[in-house]
N, C-alpha and C. Protein backbone atom coordinates (compact mmCIF):
# COMPACT_ATOMS: atom_id res chain seq x y z
N UNK A 1 -19.60 4.33 -2.36
CA UNK A 1 -18.46 4.22 -3.26
C UNK A 1 -18.37 2.76 -3.72
N UNK A 2 -18.09 2.57 -4.99
CA UNK A 2 -18.01 1.21 -5.53
C UNK A 2 -16.74 0.52 -5.06
N UNK A 3 -16.74 -0.80 -5.10
CA UNK A 3 -15.58 -1.58 -4.67
C UNK A 3 -14.37 -1.22 -5.53
N UNK A 4 -14.58 -1.02 -6.83
CA UNK A 4 -13.48 -0.67 -7.72
C UNK A 4 -12.88 0.68 -7.34
N UNK A 5 -13.70 1.64 -7.00
CA UNK A 5 -13.21 2.96 -6.58
C UNK A 5 -12.45 2.85 -5.26
N UNK A 6 -12.94 2.04 -4.34
CA UNK A 6 -12.25 1.84 -3.07
C UNK A 6 -10.86 1.25 -3.31
N UNK A 7 -10.78 0.28 -4.23
CA UNK A 7 -9.49 -0.32 -4.54
C UNK A 7 -8.54 0.70 -5.17
N UNK A 8 -9.05 1.53 -6.05
CA UNK A 8 -8.22 2.56 -6.69
C UNK A 8 -7.71 3.56 -5.65
N UNK A 9 -8.57 3.94 -4.71
CA UNK A 9 -8.16 4.87 -3.65
C UNK A 9 -7.08 4.24 -2.78
N UNK A 10 -7.28 2.98 -2.41
CA UNK A 10 -6.29 2.27 -1.61
C UNK A 10 -4.97 2.15 -2.37
N UNK A 11 -5.05 1.87 -3.66
CA UNK A 11 -3.84 1.77 -4.49
C UNK A 11 -3.07 3.09 -4.50
N UNK A 12 -3.77 4.20 -4.62
CA UNK A 12 -3.12 5.52 -4.59
C UNK A 12 -2.44 5.78 -3.25
N UNK A 13 -3.14 5.43 -2.17
CA UNK A 13 -2.59 5.65 -0.84
C UNK A 13 -1.33 4.80 -0.63
N UNK A 14 -1.36 3.57 -1.10
CA UNK A 14 -0.21 2.69 -0.94
C UNK A 14 0.96 3.19 -1.79
N UNK A 15 0.69 3.62 -3.02
CA UNK A 15 1.77 4.14 -3.89
C UNK A 15 2.41 5.39 -3.28
N UNK A 16 1.59 6.27 -2.76
CA UNK A 16 2.12 7.48 -2.12
C UNK A 16 2.96 7.11 -0.91
N UNK A 17 2.47 6.18 -0.11
CA UNK A 17 3.23 5.74 1.06
C UNK A 17 4.54 5.08 0.66
N UNK A 18 4.52 4.32 -0.42
CA UNK A 18 5.75 3.70 -0.92
C UNK A 18 6.77 4.76 -1.31
N UNK A 19 6.33 5.77 -2.03
CA UNK A 19 7.24 6.86 -2.42
C UNK A 19 7.83 7.55 -1.19
N UNK A 20 6.98 7.82 -0.20
CA UNK A 20 7.45 8.47 1.02
C UNK A 20 8.41 7.57 1.79
N UNK A 21 8.12 6.28 1.83
CA UNK A 21 8.99 5.33 2.52
C UNK A 21 10.35 5.26 1.85
N UNK A 22 10.37 5.28 0.54
CA UNK A 22 11.65 5.28 -0.18
C UNK A 22 12.44 6.54 0.13
N UNK A 23 11.77 7.68 0.11
CA UNK A 23 12.44 8.95 0.38
C UNK A 23 12.94 9.02 1.82
N UNK A 24 12.23 8.38 2.74
CA UNK A 24 12.60 8.41 4.16
C UNK A 24 13.63 7.34 4.51
N UNK A 25 14.02 6.56 3.51
CA UNK A 25 14.97 5.45 3.74
C UNK A 25 14.45 4.48 4.80
N UNK A 26 13.17 4.14 4.66
CA UNK A 26 12.55 3.18 5.57
C UNK A 26 13.19 1.80 5.37
N UNK A 27 13.06 0.92 6.33
CA UNK A 27 13.66 -0.42 6.21
C UNK A 27 13.16 -1.14 4.95
N UNK A 28 14.04 -1.94 4.37
CA UNK A 28 13.70 -2.61 3.10
C UNK A 28 12.50 -3.54 3.24
N UNK A 29 12.32 -4.17 4.39
CA UNK A 29 11.16 -5.04 4.59
C UNK A 29 9.86 -4.24 4.46
N UNK A 30 9.83 -3.06 5.03
CA UNK A 30 8.65 -2.21 4.95
C UNK A 30 8.42 -1.74 3.52
N UNK A 31 9.48 -1.33 2.85
CA UNK A 31 9.38 -0.91 1.44
C UNK A 31 8.88 -2.07 0.59
N UNK A 32 9.41 -3.26 0.82
CA UNK A 32 8.98 -4.44 0.06
C UNK A 32 7.50 -4.73 0.26
N UNK A 33 7.04 -4.60 1.49
CA UNK A 33 5.62 -4.85 1.77
C UNK A 33 4.72 -3.85 1.04
N UNK A 34 5.13 -2.59 1.06
CA UNK A 34 4.35 -1.56 0.35
C UNK A 34 4.41 -1.79 -1.16
N UNK A 35 5.58 -2.14 -1.67
CA UNK A 35 5.74 -2.37 -3.10
C UNK A 35 4.90 -3.56 -3.58
N UNK A 36 4.90 -4.62 -2.79
CA UNK A 36 4.09 -5.79 -3.14
C UNK A 36 2.61 -5.44 -3.18
N UNK A 37 2.16 -4.75 -2.16
CA UNK A 37 0.75 -4.35 -2.11
C UNK A 37 0.41 -3.42 -3.27
N UNK A 38 1.30 -2.48 -3.57
CA UNK A 38 1.06 -1.54 -4.68
C UNK A 38 0.95 -2.28 -6.01
N UNK A 39 1.86 -3.21 -6.23
CA UNK A 39 1.83 -3.97 -7.48
C UNK A 39 0.58 -4.81 -7.63
N UNK A 40 0.20 -5.50 -6.57
CA UNK A 40 -1.00 -6.31 -6.63
C UNK A 40 -2.25 -5.46 -6.82
N UNK A 41 -2.34 -4.36 -6.10
CA UNK A 41 -3.50 -3.47 -6.26
C UNK A 41 -3.56 -2.91 -7.67
N UNK A 42 -2.42 -2.55 -8.21
CA UNK A 42 -2.37 -2.04 -9.58
C UNK A 42 -2.91 -3.08 -10.56
N UNK A 43 -2.47 -4.31 -10.41
CA UNK A 43 -2.92 -5.38 -11.31
C UNK A 43 -4.41 -5.65 -11.14
N UNK A 44 -4.86 -5.67 -9.89
CA UNK A 44 -6.28 -5.96 -9.63
C UNK A 44 -7.18 -4.86 -10.18
N UNK A 45 -6.79 -3.61 -10.03
CA UNK A 45 -7.64 -2.52 -10.52
C UNK A 45 -7.66 -2.45 -12.03
N UNK A 46 -6.64 -3.04 -12.68
CA UNK A 46 -6.61 -3.05 -14.14
C UNK A 46 -7.38 -4.20 -14.76
N UNK A 47 -7.70 -5.22 -13.99
CA UNK A 47 -8.40 -6.38 -14.54
C UNK A 47 -9.87 -6.37 -14.15
N UNK A 48 -10.64 -7.12 -14.90
CA UNK A 48 -12.05 -7.26 -14.57
C UNK A 48 -12.17 -8.22 -13.40
N UNK A 49 -12.84 -7.79 -12.36
CA UNK A 49 -12.99 -8.64 -11.18
C UNK A 49 -14.04 -9.70 -11.42
N UNK A 50 -13.69 -10.94 -11.11
CA UNK A 50 -14.62 -12.06 -11.23
C UNK A 50 -14.74 -12.72 -9.87
N UNK A 51 -15.73 -13.57 -9.72
CA UNK A 51 -15.93 -14.26 -8.45
C UNK A 51 -14.70 -15.03 -8.01
N UNK A 52 -13.97 -15.61 -8.96
CA UNK A 52 -12.79 -16.41 -8.64
C UNK A 52 -11.68 -15.57 -8.03
N UNK A 53 -11.68 -14.28 -8.30
CA UNK A 53 -10.60 -13.42 -7.81
C UNK A 53 -10.91 -12.81 -6.45
N UNK A 54 -12.08 -13.03 -5.90
CA UNK A 54 -12.46 -12.40 -4.63
C UNK A 54 -11.48 -12.73 -3.50
N UNK A 55 -11.04 -13.99 -3.33
CA UNK A 55 -10.06 -14.24 -2.26
C UNK A 55 -8.76 -13.47 -2.48
N UNK A 56 -8.32 -13.33 -3.72
CA UNK A 56 -7.11 -12.56 -4.02
C UNK A 56 -7.32 -11.10 -3.65
N UNK A 57 -8.45 -10.56 -3.99
CA UNK A 57 -8.74 -9.16 -3.68
C UNK A 57 -8.79 -8.96 -2.17
N UNK A 58 -9.47 -9.84 -1.47
CA UNK A 58 -9.57 -9.74 -0.01
C UNK A 58 -8.19 -9.80 0.63
N UNK A 59 -7.37 -10.74 0.22
CA UNK A 59 -6.03 -10.88 0.80
C UNK A 59 -5.16 -9.68 0.45
N UNK A 60 -5.30 -9.16 -0.75
CA UNK A 60 -4.51 -8.00 -1.17
C UNK A 60 -4.89 -6.77 -0.36
N UNK A 61 -6.17 -6.57 -0.12
CA UNK A 61 -6.62 -5.44 0.70
C UNK A 61 -6.08 -5.58 2.12
N UNK A 62 -6.14 -6.78 2.67
CA UNK A 62 -5.58 -7.01 4.01
C UNK A 62 -4.09 -6.70 4.02
N UNK A 63 -3.38 -7.21 3.01
CA UNK A 63 -1.93 -6.98 2.92
C UNK A 63 -1.63 -5.48 2.82
N UNK A 64 -2.40 -4.77 2.01
CA UNK A 64 -2.19 -3.33 1.83
C UNK A 64 -2.44 -2.59 3.14
N UNK A 65 -3.51 -2.93 3.83
CA UNK A 65 -3.82 -2.25 5.10
C UNK A 65 -2.77 -2.55 6.16
N UNK A 66 -2.24 -3.76 6.19
CA UNK A 66 -1.18 -4.09 7.13
C UNK A 66 0.10 -3.32 6.81
N UNK A 67 0.43 -3.22 5.53
CA UNK A 67 1.63 -2.48 5.12
C UNK A 67 1.48 -1.00 5.45
N UNK A 68 0.29 -0.45 5.21
CA UNK A 68 0.05 0.96 5.54
C UNK A 68 0.16 1.19 7.04
N UNK A 69 -0.40 0.29 7.83
CA UNK A 69 -0.32 0.44 9.30
C UNK A 69 1.13 0.40 9.75
N UNK A 70 1.92 -0.49 9.16
CA UNK A 70 3.34 -0.57 9.51
C UNK A 70 4.07 0.70 9.11
N UNK A 71 3.74 1.25 7.95
CA UNK A 71 4.37 2.48 7.48
C UNK A 71 4.02 3.65 8.41
N UNK A 72 2.73 3.77 8.74
CA UNK A 72 2.32 4.88 9.62
C UNK A 72 2.98 4.77 10.98
N UNK A 73 3.13 3.55 11.49
CA UNK A 73 3.79 3.37 12.79
C UNK A 73 5.27 3.73 12.68
N UNK A 74 5.92 3.28 11.60
CA UNK A 74 7.34 3.59 11.42
C UNK A 74 7.55 5.10 11.32
N UNK A 75 6.67 5.74 10.55
CA UNK A 75 6.77 7.20 10.37
C UNK A 75 6.57 7.93 11.70
N UNK A 76 5.67 7.44 12.54
CA UNK A 76 5.46 8.03 13.86
C UNK A 76 6.69 7.85 14.73
N UNK A 77 7.30 6.66 14.64
CA UNK A 77 8.48 6.36 15.45
C UNK A 77 9.75 7.02 14.93
N UNK A 78 9.75 7.44 13.67
CA UNK A 78 10.93 8.05 13.05
C UNK A 78 10.54 9.35 12.35
N UNK A 79 10.21 10.38 13.13
CA UNK A 79 9.83 11.66 12.50
C UNK A 79 10.98 12.23 11.70
N UNK A 80 10.68 12.99 10.64
CA UNK A 80 11.75 13.60 9.86
C UNK A 80 12.57 14.56 10.72
N UNK A 81 13.85 14.59 10.43
CA UNK A 81 14.74 15.50 11.17
C UNK A 81 14.67 16.89 10.51
N UNK A 82 14.63 17.89 11.36
CA UNK A 82 14.60 19.27 10.86
C UNK A 82 15.94 19.61 10.22
N UNK A 83 15.87 20.33 9.11
CA UNK A 83 17.10 20.79 8.45
C UNK A 83 17.17 22.30 8.54
N UNK A 84 18.37 22.78 8.63
CA UNK A 84 18.56 24.23 8.76
C UNK A 84 18.85 24.86 7.41
């Protein structure tokens, strides 16, 4: 898979997680982290990647993966409540 496709897949996963976090009323810090990562990934996937942007891409991927890990942990710790 190309680097661009990997970034697009990660961007989709982060956006979906952001939507779920908003719906679950996750803490604002977690929502902010997901939103920041989603915005940066969106911008990066829309631009032509150059050598100068590699550190930005690397840091953004790290930030996105950290935000996703925090979301998955929060979701595990706060399962949805059953409704009748």
